[in-house]
Protein backbone atom coordinates (compact mmCIF):
# COMPACT_ATOMS: atom_id res chain seq x y z
CA MET A 1 -44.95 -74.00 0.42
CA GLY A 2 -45.56 -71.29 2.88
CA GLY A 3 -42.10 -71.65 4.27
CA GLY A 4 -40.34 -71.28 0.95
CA GLY A 5 -42.18 -68.13 -0.03
CA GLY A 6 -41.46 -66.42 3.21
CA GLY A 7 -37.80 -67.18 2.95
CA GLY A 8 -37.54 -65.69 -0.51
CA GLY A 9 -39.22 -62.52 0.61
CA SER A 10 -36.99 -62.14 3.56
CA SER A 11 -33.85 -62.59 1.49
CA ALA A 12 -34.99 -59.88 -0.93
CA GLY A 13 -35.82 -57.65 1.99
CA SER A 14 -32.52 -58.33 3.64
CA HIS A 15 -30.70 -57.49 0.41
CA HIS A 16 -32.45 -54.13 0.33
CA GLY A 17 -31.92 -53.82 4.03
CA GLY A 18 -28.24 -54.56 3.52
CA LYS A 19 -27.82 -51.51 1.28
CA TYR A 20 -29.55 -49.35 3.81
CA THR A 21 -27.43 -50.56 6.67
CA LYS A 22 -24.23 -50.20 4.61
CA LYS A 23 -25.04 -46.52 3.88
CA SER A 24 -25.99 -46.03 7.49
CA ARG A 25 -22.68 -47.49 8.67
CA SER A 26 -20.64 -45.36 6.26
CA ARG A 27 -22.38 -42.22 7.49
CA THR A 28 -21.55 -43.00 11.09
CA HIS A 29 -17.87 -43.44 10.20
CA MET A 30 -17.64 -39.85 8.87
CA SER A 31 -16.16 -37.40 11.34
CA THR A 32 -18.71 -34.86 12.41
CA GLY A 33 -16.44 -33.04 14.87
CA LEU A 34 -14.00 -30.18 14.13
CA MET A 35 -10.57 -31.04 12.85
CA LEU A 36 -8.85 -29.03 15.57
CA ALA A 37 -5.27 -29.84 14.60
CA SER A 38 -5.84 -28.76 10.98
CA MET A 39 -7.54 -25.56 12.06
CA LEU A 40 -4.64 -24.72 14.39
CA ASP A 41 -2.18 -25.29 11.54
CA ILE A 42 -4.12 -22.89 9.32
CA LEU A 43 -4.35 -20.26 12.06
CA MET A 44 -0.62 -20.49 12.75
CA ALA A 45 0.17 -20.10 9.05
CA ILE A 46 -2.04 -16.99 8.88
CA LEU A 47 -0.47 -15.60 12.06
CA PHE A 48 3.09 -16.02 10.72
CA PHE A 49 2.09 -14.48 7.39
CA LEU A 50 0.58 -11.41 9.07
CA MET A 51 3.52 -11.00 11.44
CA LYS A 52 6.01 -11.21 8.58
CA ASN A 53 4.13 -8.66 6.48
CA TYR A 54 3.62 -6.29 9.41
CA SER A 55 7.32 -6.29 10.22
CA GLN A 56 8.20 -5.46 6.59
CA ILE A 57 6.29 -2.17 6.42
CA GLN A 58 9.26 0.09 5.87
CA SER A 59 10.16 2.85 3.52
CA ASP A 60 13.47 4.10 2.21
CA PHE A 61 12.68 7.51 3.61
CA ASN A 62 15.70 9.74 4.21
CA ILE A 63 15.39 13.05 5.99
CA GLY A 64 17.20 15.74 4.06
CA LYS A 65 20.11 17.54 5.66
CA ASP A 66 19.72 21.24 6.46
CA ILE A 67 16.04 20.66 7.17
CA SER A 68 13.93 20.83 10.29
CA LEU A 69 10.63 18.97 9.87
CA PRO A 70 7.49 19.92 11.80
CA TYR A 71 6.09 17.56 14.44
CA SER A 72 2.80 15.71 14.16
CA SER A 73 0.86 12.93 15.84
CA SER A 74 0.52 11.09 12.52
CA VAL A 75 0.31 7.31 12.68
CA ASN A 76 0.52 6.45 8.96
CA PRO A 77 3.85 4.97 7.84
CA PRO A 78 5.58 6.60 4.86
CA VAL A 79 4.87 5.12 1.44
CA ASN A 80 7.20 4.66 -1.50
CA ALA A 81 6.80 7.67 -3.77
CA LEU A 82 8.71 10.47 -5.43
CA GLN A 83 10.65 12.35 -2.74
CA MET A 84 10.93 16.12 -2.74
CA VAL A 85 13.00 18.04 -0.20
CA VAL A 86 12.58 21.79 0.23
CA THR A 87 15.24 23.45 2.37
CA GLN A 88 16.02 27.13 2.92
CA LYS A 89 18.58 26.90 0.09
CA ALA A 90 17.25 24.52 -2.58
CA VAL A 91 14.53 22.22 -3.91
CA LEU A 92 15.62 18.62 -4.46
CA VAL A 93 13.67 15.89 -6.24
CA ASP A 94 14.86 12.34 -5.58
CA GLN A 95 18.08 13.75 -4.05
CA GLU A 96 18.89 15.79 -7.17
CA LYS A 97 18.97 19.59 -6.95
CA VAL A 98 16.34 21.13 -9.23
CA LEU A 99 16.64 24.79 -8.31
CA ASP A 100 18.28 27.11 -5.80
CA LEU A 101 16.26 29.27 -3.45
CA VAL A 102 17.14 32.87 -2.65
CA ASN A 103 16.45 33.81 0.99
CA GLY A 104 14.00 30.91 1.30
CA ASP A 105 12.03 31.92 -1.80
CA ILE A 106 12.02 31.14 -5.51
CA ALA A 107 13.95 33.45 -7.83
CA LYS A 108 11.79 35.53 -10.20
CA GLN A 109 13.51 34.12 -13.33
CA ASP A 110 12.40 30.58 -12.35
CA LEU A 111 8.71 31.57 -12.20
CA VAL A 112 6.17 31.64 -15.02
CA GLN A 113 3.09 33.81 -14.38
CA GLY A 114 4.05 34.19 -10.73
CA LEU A 115 3.16 30.65 -9.58
CA LEU A 116 4.56 27.98 -11.91
CA ILE A 117 8.17 26.98 -11.19
CA LYS A 118 9.63 26.17 -14.61
CA PRO A 119 12.67 24.02 -13.61
CA LEU A 120 10.53 21.98 -11.20
CA ALA A 121 7.77 21.51 -13.79
CA LEU A 122 10.30 20.25 -16.36
CA LYS A 123 11.84 17.79 -13.87
CA LEU A 124 8.43 16.46 -12.76
CA LYS A 125 7.29 16.06 -16.38
CA LYS A 126 10.46 14.11 -17.17
CA LEU A 127 9.93 11.83 -14.14
CA LYS A 128 6.27 11.30 -15.03
CA ASP A 129 7.14 10.40 -18.64
CA ARG A 130 9.82 7.96 -17.44
CA SER A 131 7.34 6.36 -15.03
CA VAL A 132 4.73 5.97 -17.78
CA VAL A 133 7.30 4.40 -20.14
CA GLN A 134 8.40 1.95 -17.43
CA ASN A 135 4.77 0.98 -16.84
CA ASP A 136 4.02 0.69 -20.56
CA VAL A 137 1.66 -2.25 -20.00
CA ASP A 138 -0.73 -0.21 -17.87
CA LYS A 139 -0.47 3.49 -18.67
CA LYS A 140 -3.07 4.31 -16.01
CA SER A 141 -0.83 2.95 -13.25
CA PHE A 142 0.92 6.33 -12.74
CA ALA A 143 0.11 7.23 -9.14
CA GLY A 144 1.31 10.84 -9.09
CA ILE A 145 2.35 10.78 -5.42
CA ILE A 146 4.99 13.06 -3.92
CA ILE A 147 6.27 12.95 -0.37
CA MET A 148 7.49 16.43 0.44
CA GLN A 149 9.88 17.29 3.24
CA ALA A 150 9.71 21.02 3.83
CA ASP A 151 11.57 22.99 6.42
CA LYS A 152 9.11 24.21 9.04
CA SER A 153 10.40 27.79 8.81
CA LEU A 154 9.52 28.19 5.10
CA GLN A 155 6.70 30.54 4.10
CA PHE A 156 3.48 28.94 2.91
CA SER A 157 3.38 31.26 -0.14
CA MET A 158 6.54 29.57 -1.41
CA LEU A 159 5.17 26.08 -0.69
CA LYS A 160 1.97 27.05 -2.50
CA LYS A 161 3.99 27.60 -5.70
CA ILE A 162 5.50 24.13 -5.34
CA LEU A 163 2.05 22.59 -4.78
CA TYR A 164 0.67 24.41 -7.83
CA THR A 165 3.56 23.26 -10.03
CA ALA A 166 3.24 19.65 -8.83
CA GLN A 167 -0.50 19.59 -9.56
CA LEU A 168 -0.02 20.97 -13.07
CA SER A 169 2.58 18.23 -13.63
CA ASP A 170 -0.03 15.54 -12.75
CA PHE A 171 1.36 14.86 -9.28
CA VAL A 172 -1.95 15.37 -7.54
CA THR A 173 -1.33 13.52 -4.27
CA LEU A 174 1.11 15.31 -2.01
CA LYS A 175 2.00 13.96 1.42
CA LEU A 176 3.93 16.09 3.87
CA ALA A 177 6.67 14.37 5.84
CA VAL A 178 6.66 15.18 9.54
CA LEU A 179 8.40 13.90 12.62
CA LYS A 180 6.27 11.85 14.96
CA LYS A 181 5.54 13.63 18.20
CA ASP A 182 6.64 11.75 21.32
CA GLU A 183 3.58 10.71 23.29
CA SER A 184 4.77 11.14 26.84
């Protein structure tokens, strides 16, 4: 009698013990180390992605003829934006002449109240309206950025009129194009 009872208890215990040992064995089969090959694959993919994007930072930035840009130690690459070129003879917006300059200054008939340049204001308003219509889904996406190339011999008083006109036309961010100074 004693032998039969002990055997039954041990079989029940071994059944329970079997579950425990099965879980224990499955835990030991899991990899606890780093998957080095997979991590290297991910790092290489990230590296190629960053290299490809870094090499594509370019801009369709053309320096206007009849213009001598100032030098700077700027490190920021040019961005895509509305391009304005101010030479001694004319003001061009996106390579289209907006107004002629007389002796490096704006003619009196093109000015309103001494500062606002009427032909430039009309052109900028037209470009802003076209940009807003193209981005009809998100009307707040208008950036209002101008990259201005101005001849270094122009007077600041004349450039001030251009800045004033651009700001009144909702082009509030103006970046000046310069040539990068050689670091030698």
